[in-house]
Amino acid sequence: MSTPLTVDELRTALDEIRETSARLGAQASSLASRADTDLGHDVAEIVKDLRAAARQLRVAQLLLEPARADLAA
């Protein structure tokens, strides 16, 4: 049986998810740019997918902001 979740644990988890999303989004954007530059049109679909993943990660980060603000209050 697990112990009850505390507000501090939830706050820490949300911060970690936000930070990870931001880091992964930046990495996906960077990788997409490098692949586009270095590999050209041969990987166009991969570049599109990486850019879409980066956008989705940024959206996830933005969606977590209200929860973070609520927990900070």
C-alpha atoms as a PDB file:
ATOM      1  CA  MET A   1       0.000   0.000   0.000  1.00  0.00           C
ATOM      2  CA  SER A   2       1.336   3.420  -0.853  1.00  0.00           C
ATOM      3  CA  THR A   3       1.415   6.482   1.327  1.00  0.00           C
ATOM      4  CA  PRO A   4      -0.841   9.452   0.547  1.00  0.00           C
ATOM      5  CA  LEU A   5       0.494  11.980  -1.924  1.00  0.00           C
ATOM      6  CA  THR A   6       1.497  15.295  -0.405  1.00  0.00           C
ATOM      7  CA  VAL A   7       1.211  18.719  -1.985  1.00  0.00           C
ATOM      8  CA  ASP A   8       5.001  19.041  -1.934  1.00  0.00           C
ATOM      9  CA  GLU A   9       5.395  15.750  -3.793  1.00  0.00           C
ATOM     10  CA  LEU A  10       2.840  16.844  -6.373  1.00  0.00           C
ATOM     11  CA  ARG A  11       4.525  20.238  -6.755  1.00  0.00           C
ATOM     12  CA  THR A  12       7.909  18.562  -7.217  1.00  0.00           C
ATOM     13  CA  ALA A  13       6.500  16.123  -9.782  1.00  0.00           C
ATOM     14  CA  LEU A  14       4.857  18.916 -11.769  1.00  0.00           C
ATOM     15  CA  ASP A  15       8.078  20.919 -11.763  1.00  0.00           C
ATOM     16  CA  GLU A  16      10.043  17.891 -12.952  1.00  0.00           C
ATOM     17  CA  ILE A  17       7.529  17.204 -15.742  1.00  0.00           C
ATOM     18  CA  ARG A  18       7.610  20.862 -16.803  1.00  0.00           C
ATOM     19  CA  GLU A  19      11.411  20.954 -16.827  1.00  0.00           C
ATOM     20  CA  THR A  20      11.627  17.655 -18.693  1.00  0.00           C
ATOM     21  CA  SER A  21       9.075  18.826 -21.259  1.00  0.00           C
ATOM     22  CA  ALA A  22      11.016  22.040 -21.812  1.00  0.00           C
ATOM     23  CA  ARG A  23      14.319  20.182 -22.147  1.00  0.00           C
ATOM     24  CA  LEU A  24      12.900  17.557 -24.516  1.00  0.00           C
ATOM     25  CA  GLY A  25      11.148  20.218 -26.580  1.00  0.00           C
ATOM     26  CA  ALA A  26      14.382  22.163 -26.970  1.00  0.00           C
ATOM     27  CA  GLN A  27      16.258  18.992 -27.899  1.00  0.00           C
ATOM     28  CA  ALA A  28      13.619  18.029 -30.470  1.00  0.00           C
ATOM     29  CA  SER A  29      13.744  21.501 -32.014  1.00  0.00           C
ATOM     30  CA  SER A  30      17.527  21.442 -32.132  1.00  0.00           C
ATOM     31  CA  LEU A  31      17.612  17.958 -33.601  1.00  0.00           C
ATOM     32  CA  ALA A  32      15.028  18.917 -36.222  1.00  0.00           C
ATOM     33  CA  SER A  33      17.075  21.945 -37.249  1.00  0.00           C
ATOM     34  CA  ARG A  34      20.307  19.952 -37.391  1.00  0.00           C
ATOM     35  CA  ALA A  35      18.686  17.139 -39.377  1.00  0.00           C
ATOM     36  CA  ASP A  36      17.136  19.612 -41.794  1.00  0.00           C
ATOM     37  CA  THR A  37      20.465  21.377 -42.286  1.00  0.00           C
ATOM     38  CA  ASP A  38      22.763  18.354 -42.331  1.00  0.00           C
ATOM     39  CA  LEU A  39      20.587  15.750 -44.012  1.00  0.00           C
ATOM     40  CA  GLY A  40      18.323  17.869 -46.149  1.00  0.00           C
ATOM     41  CA  HIS A  41      15.167  16.657 -47.824  1.00  0.00           C
ATOM     42  CA  ASP A  42      15.916  12.967 -47.258  1.00  0.00           C
ATOM     43  CA  VAL A  43      14.539  13.271 -43.738  1.00  0.00           C
ATOM     44  CA  ALA A  44      11.747  15.790 -44.281  1.00  0.00           C
ATOM     45  CA  GLU A  45       9.114  13.626 -42.558  1.00  0.00           C
ATOM     46  CA  ILE A  46      11.354  13.044 -39.539  1.00  0.00           C
ATOM     47  CA  VAL A  47      12.028  16.763 -39.273  1.00  0.00           C
ATOM     48  CA  LYS A  48       8.280  17.489 -39.394  1.00  0.00           C
ATOM     49  CA  ASP A  49       7.653  14.861 -36.702  1.00  0.00           C
ATOM     50  CA  LEU A  50      10.389  16.276 -34.459  1.00  0.00           C
ATOM     51  CA  ARG A  51       9.030  19.786 -34.813  1.00  0.00           C
ATOM     52  CA  ALA A  52       5.513  18.555 -34.015  1.00  0.00           C
ATOM     53  CA  ALA A  53       6.831  16.747 -30.933  1.00  0.00           C
ATOM     54  CA  ALA A  54       8.608  19.910 -29.822  1.00  0.00           C
ATOM     55  CA  ARG A  55       5.376  21.912 -30.183  1.00  0.00           C
ATOM     56  CA  GLN A  56       3.414  19.315 -28.220  1.00  0.00           C
ATOM     57  CA  LEU A  57       5.983  19.368 -25.423  1.00  0.00           C
ATOM     58  CA  ARG A  58       5.782  23.160 -25.250  1.00  0.00           C
ATOM     59  CA  VAL A  59       1.981  22.916 -25.068  1.00  0.00           C
ATOM     60  CA  ALA A  60       2.274  20.362 -22.246  1.00  0.00           C
ATOM     61  CA  GLN A  61       4.572  22.732 -20.404  1.00  0.00           C
ATOM     62  CA  LEU A  62       2.087  25.592 -20.808  1.00  0.00           C
ATOM     63  CA  LEU A  63      -0.805  23.420 -19.652  1.00  0.00           C
ATOM     64  CA  LEU A  64       1.059  22.611 -16.451  1.00  0.00           C
ATOM     65  CA  GLU A  65       1.582  26.272 -15.537  1.00  0.00           C
ATOM     66  CA  PRO A  66      -1.889  26.792 -13.970  1.00  0.00           C
ATOM     67  CA  ALA A  67      -1.482  23.683 -11.818  1.00  0.00           C
ATOM     68  CA  ARG A  68       1.921  24.896 -10.707  1.00  0.00           C
ATOM     69  CA  ALA A  69       0.491  28.309  -9.855  1.00  0.00           C
ATOM     70  CA  ASP A  70      -2.371  26.716  -7.898  1.00  0.00           C
ATOM     71  CA  LEU A  71       0.054  24.618  -5.885  1.00  0.00           C
ATOM     72  CA  ALA A  72       2.261  27.604  -5.189  1.00  0.00           C
ATOM     73  CA  ALA A  73      -0.664  29.459  -3.623  1.00  0.00           C
END
